[in-house]
C-alpha atoms as a PDB file:
ATOM      1  CA  MET A   1       0.281   0.423  -0.022  1.00  0.00           C
ATOM      2  CA  PRO A   2       2.180   3.514  -0.988  1.00  0.00           C
ATOM      3  CA  MET A   3       1.851   5.991   1.771  1.00  0.00           C
ATOM      4  CA  GLU A   4       4.812   8.212   3.328  1.00  0.00           C
ATOM      5  CA  GLN A   5       8.347   7.149   3.207  1.00  0.00           C
ATOM      6  CA  GLU A   6       8.767   8.085   6.589  1.00  0.00           C
ATOM      7  CA  THR A   7       4.897   6.825   8.218  1.00  0.00           C
ATOM      8  CA  MET A   8       6.188   3.558   8.266  1.00  0.00           C
ATOM      9  CA  GLY A   9       9.032   4.230  11.300  1.00  0.00           C
ATOM     10  CA  MET A  10       6.846   6.596  13.137  1.00  0.00           C
ATOM     11  CA  LEU A  11       4.170   3.267  13.114  1.00  0.00           C
ATOM     12  CA  VAL A  12       6.938   0.929  14.499  1.00  0.00           C
ATOM     13  CA  ALA A  13       8.493   3.056  17.094  1.00  0.00           C
ATOM     14  CA  GLY A  14       4.696   4.502  18.482  1.00  0.00           C
ATOM     15  CA  LEU A  15       3.721   1.091  18.724  1.00  0.00           C
ATOM     16  CA  SER A  16       7.412  -0.052  20.366  1.00  0.00           C
ATOM     17  CA  ILE A  17       6.962   2.251  22.815  1.00  0.00           C
ATOM     18  CA  VAL A  18       3.457   1.903  23.702  1.00  0.00           C
ATOM     19  CA  MET A  19       3.568  -1.338  24.507  1.00  0.00           C
ATOM     20  CA  GLY A  20       7.011  -2.122  26.313  1.00  0.00           C
ATOM     21  CA  THR A  21       5.282   0.862  28.430  1.00  0.00           C
ATOM     22  CA  ALA A  22       3.162  -1.063  29.383  1.00  0.00           C
ATOM     23  CA  PHE A  23       4.516  -4.270  29.092  1.00  0.00           C
ATOM     24  CA  ILE A  24       7.344  -2.984  31.703  1.00  0.00           C
ATOM     25  CA  VAL A  25       4.445  -1.831  33.925  1.00  0.00           C
ATOM     26  CA  VAL A  26       2.206  -4.689  33.732  1.00  0.00           C
ATOM     27  CA  LEU A  27       5.548  -7.553  34.909  1.00  0.00           C
ATOM     28  CA  ARG A  28       6.330  -4.794  38.165  1.00  0.00           C
ATOM     29  CA  LEU A  29       2.959  -5.584  38.348  1.00  0.00           C
ATOM     30  CA  LEU A  30       3.523  -9.230  37.650  1.00  0.00           C
ATOM     31  CA  PHE A  31       6.578  -9.736  40.237  1.00  0.00           C
ATOM     32  CA  SER A  32       5.343  -7.320  43.236  1.00  0.00           C
ATOM     33  CA  LYS A  33       4.909  -8.160  46.295  1.00  0.00           C
ATOM     34  CA  GLU A  34       1.823  -6.814  47.133  1.00  0.00           C
ATOM     35  CA  ARG A  35      -0.541  -7.551  44.292  1.00  0.00           C
ATOM     36  CA  LYS A  36       0.219 -11.782  45.059  1.00  0.00           C
ATOM     37  CA  LEU A  37      -3.336 -12.281  44.531  1.00  0.00           C
ATOM     38  CA  PHE A  38      -3.301 -11.397  40.693  1.00  0.00           C
ATOM     39  CA  ARG A  39      -0.321 -13.232  39.866  1.00  0.00           C
ATOM     40  CA  ALA A  40      -2.783 -14.797  37.863  1.00  0.00           C
ATOM     41  CA  ALA A  41      -4.504 -11.670  35.940  1.00  0.00           C
ATOM     42  CA  TYR A  42      -1.203 -10.169  35.459  1.00  0.00           C
ATOM     43  CA  ALA A  43       0.226 -13.105  33.292  1.00  0.00           C
ATOM     44  CA  LEU A  44      -2.802 -12.985  31.278  1.00  0.00           C
ATOM     45  CA  VAL A  45      -2.995  -9.720  30.432  1.00  0.00           C
ATOM     46  CA  LEU A  46       1.123  -9.952  29.213  1.00  0.00           C
ATOM     47  CA  SER A  47       0.387 -12.436  26.682  1.00  0.00           C
ATOM     48  CA  PHE A  48      -2.523  -9.919  25.632  1.00  0.00           C
ATOM     49  CA  PHE A  49       0.519  -7.882  24.282  1.00  0.00           C
ATOM     50  CA  VAL A  50       2.918 -10.426  23.573  1.00  0.00           C
ATOM     51  CA  PHE A  51      -0.407 -11.541  21.233  1.00  0.00           C
ATOM     52  CA  PHE A  52      -1.324  -7.830  19.965  1.00  0.00           C
ATOM     53  CA  SER A  53       2.571  -6.763  19.174  1.00  0.00           C
ATOM     54  CA  LEU A  54       2.174 -10.159  17.037  1.00  0.00           C
ATOM     55  CA  ALA A  55      -1.166  -9.334  15.522  1.00  0.00           C
ATOM     56  CA  VAL A  56       0.367  -5.155  15.314  1.00  0.00           C
ATOM     57  CA  SER A  57       3.656  -6.660  13.128  1.00  0.00           C
ATOM     58  CA  GLN A  58       1.458  -8.515  10.704  1.00  0.00           C
ATOM     59  CA  ALA A  59      -0.946  -5.684   9.908  1.00  0.00           C
ATOM     60  CA  LEU A  60       2.378  -3.929   9.026  1.00  0.00           C
ATOM     61  CA  LYS A  61       4.221  -6.267   7.177  1.00  0.00           C
ATOM     62  CA  ALA A  62       1.124  -6.165   4.926  1.00  0.00           C
ATOM     63  CA  ILE A  63       0.710  -3.083   4.991  1.00  0.00           C
ATOM     64  CA  ALA A  64       4.138  -2.979   3.167  1.00  0.00           C
ATOM     65  CA  PHE A  65       4.185  -5.673   1.254  1.00  0.00           C
ATOM     66  CA  ASP A  66       5.480  -4.368  -2.597  1.00  0.00           C
ATOM     67  CA  ILE A  67       2.314  -4.889  -4.417  1.00  0.00           C
ATOM     68  CA  ASN A  68       3.777  -5.485  -7.759  1.00  0.00           C
ATOM     69  CA  HIS A  69       4.623  -8.868  -6.376  1.00  0.00           C
ATOM     70  CA  PRO A  70       3.242 -10.869  -8.602  1.00  0.00           C
ATOM     71  CA  MET A  71       0.629 -12.281  -6.210  1.00  0.00           C
ATOM     72  CA  ALA A  72      -0.190  -9.856  -4.062  1.00  0.00           C
ATOM     73  CA  SER A  73      -2.980  -9.857  -3.245  1.00  0.00           C
ATOM     74  CA  GLU A  74      -2.803 -13.431  -1.091  1.00  0.00           C
ATOM     75  CA  GLU A  75       0.210 -12.723   0.469  1.00  0.00           C
ATOM     76  CA  ILE A  76      -1.906  -9.555   2.094  1.00  0.00           C
ATOM     77  CA  SER A  77      -4.381 -11.747   2.589  1.00  0.00           C
ATOM     78  CA  LEU A  78      -2.943 -14.113   4.523  1.00  0.00           C
ATOM     79  CA  LEU A  79      -0.861 -11.481   7.154  1.00  0.00           C
ATOM     80  CA  LEU A  80      -4.076  -9.371   7.928  1.00  0.00           C
ATOM     81  CA  GLY A  81      -5.920 -13.090   7.996  1.00  0.00           C
ATOM     82  CA  PHE A  82      -2.580 -13.806  10.028  1.00  0.00           C
ATOM     83  CA  ALA A  83      -2.891 -11.589  11.771  1.00  0.00           C
ATOM     84  CA  GLY A  84      -6.663 -11.169  12.649  1.00  0.00           C
ATOM     85  CA  VAL A  85      -6.027 -14.441  14.175  1.00  0.00           C
ATOM     86  CA  LEU A  86      -3.277 -13.180  16.422  1.00  0.00           C
ATOM     87  CA  TRP A  87      -5.174  -9.918  17.577  1.00  0.00           C
ATOM     88  CA  ALA A  88      -8.446 -12.645  18.730  1.00  0.00           C
ATOM     89  CA  VAL A  89      -5.573 -14.821  20.385  1.00  0.00           C
ATOM     90  CA  SER A  90      -4.537 -11.528  22.020  1.00  0.00           C
ATOM     91  CA  MET A  91      -8.190 -10.640  22.674  1.00  0.00           C
ATOM     92  CA  LEU A  92      -9.018 -14.067  24.575  1.00  0.00           C
ATOM     93  CA  PHE A  93      -5.971 -13.080  26.848  1.00  0.00           C
ATOM     94  CA  LEU A  94      -7.562  -9.868  28.054  1.00  0.00           C
ATOM     95  CA  LEU A  95     -10.599 -10.536  27.908  1.00  0.00           C
ATOM     96  CA  LEU A  96      -9.419 -14.304  30.698  1.00  0.00           C
ATOM     97  CA  GLY A  97      -7.215 -11.505  32.210  1.00  0.00           C
ATOM     98  CA  LEU A  98      -9.714  -8.729  32.813  1.00  0.00           C
ATOM     99  CA  ILE A  99     -12.620 -12.162  34.687  1.00  0.00           C
ATOM    100  CA  LYS A 100      -9.258 -12.374  36.885  1.00  0.00           C
ATOM    101  CA  LEU A 101      -8.789  -9.415  38.179  1.00  0.00           C
ATOM    102  CA  SER A 102     -12.674  -8.485  38.889  1.00  0.00           C
ATOM    103  CA  SER A 103     -12.873 -11.764  40.239  1.00  0.00           C
ATOM    104  CA  VAL A 104     -12.606 -10.598  44.761  1.00  0.00           C
ATOM    105  CA  LYS A 105     -11.932 -13.755  46.921  1.00  0.00           C
ATOM    106  CA  LYS A 106     -14.833 -14.046  49.514  1.00  0.00           C
ATOM    107  CA  THR A 107     -12.445 -13.464  52.703  1.00  0.00           C
ATOM    108  CA  THR A 108     -14.647 -14.884  56.417  1.00  0.00           C
ATOM    109  CA  VAL A 109     -12.840 -12.075  59.192  1.00  0.00           C
ATOM    110  CA  VAL A 110     -13.730 -14.007  63.245  1.00  0.00           C
ATOM    111  CA  ILE A 111     -13.366 -11.004  65.036  1.00  0.00           C
ATOM    112  CA  ASN A 112     -12.759 -12.136  69.117  1.00  0.00           C
ATOM    113  CA  ASN A 113     -13.798  -9.889  72.024  1.00  0.00           C
END
């Protein structure tokens, strides 16, 4: 797909900065001693970031694909289909992480008089 020369670099740089920051924050939460109860949820959110990054990578490959290639249409369709599957898996991890974060363990409090 034709676009300005600097656009792809800016897309990759922007995505890398945002996803890198989010990845570091979730890693810190994952290994935080105060948040041991939510480690499974943070691991699922971390998996979301990994799979979402892979999906965006495949989509960017499709965007940057050479349209003069003899089978460009088929290759681009395959890359976008693969990106869609990775995106769906990433969303599954995000939803599972949100479910884990929203489930509250009930505890019994005993008060001795």
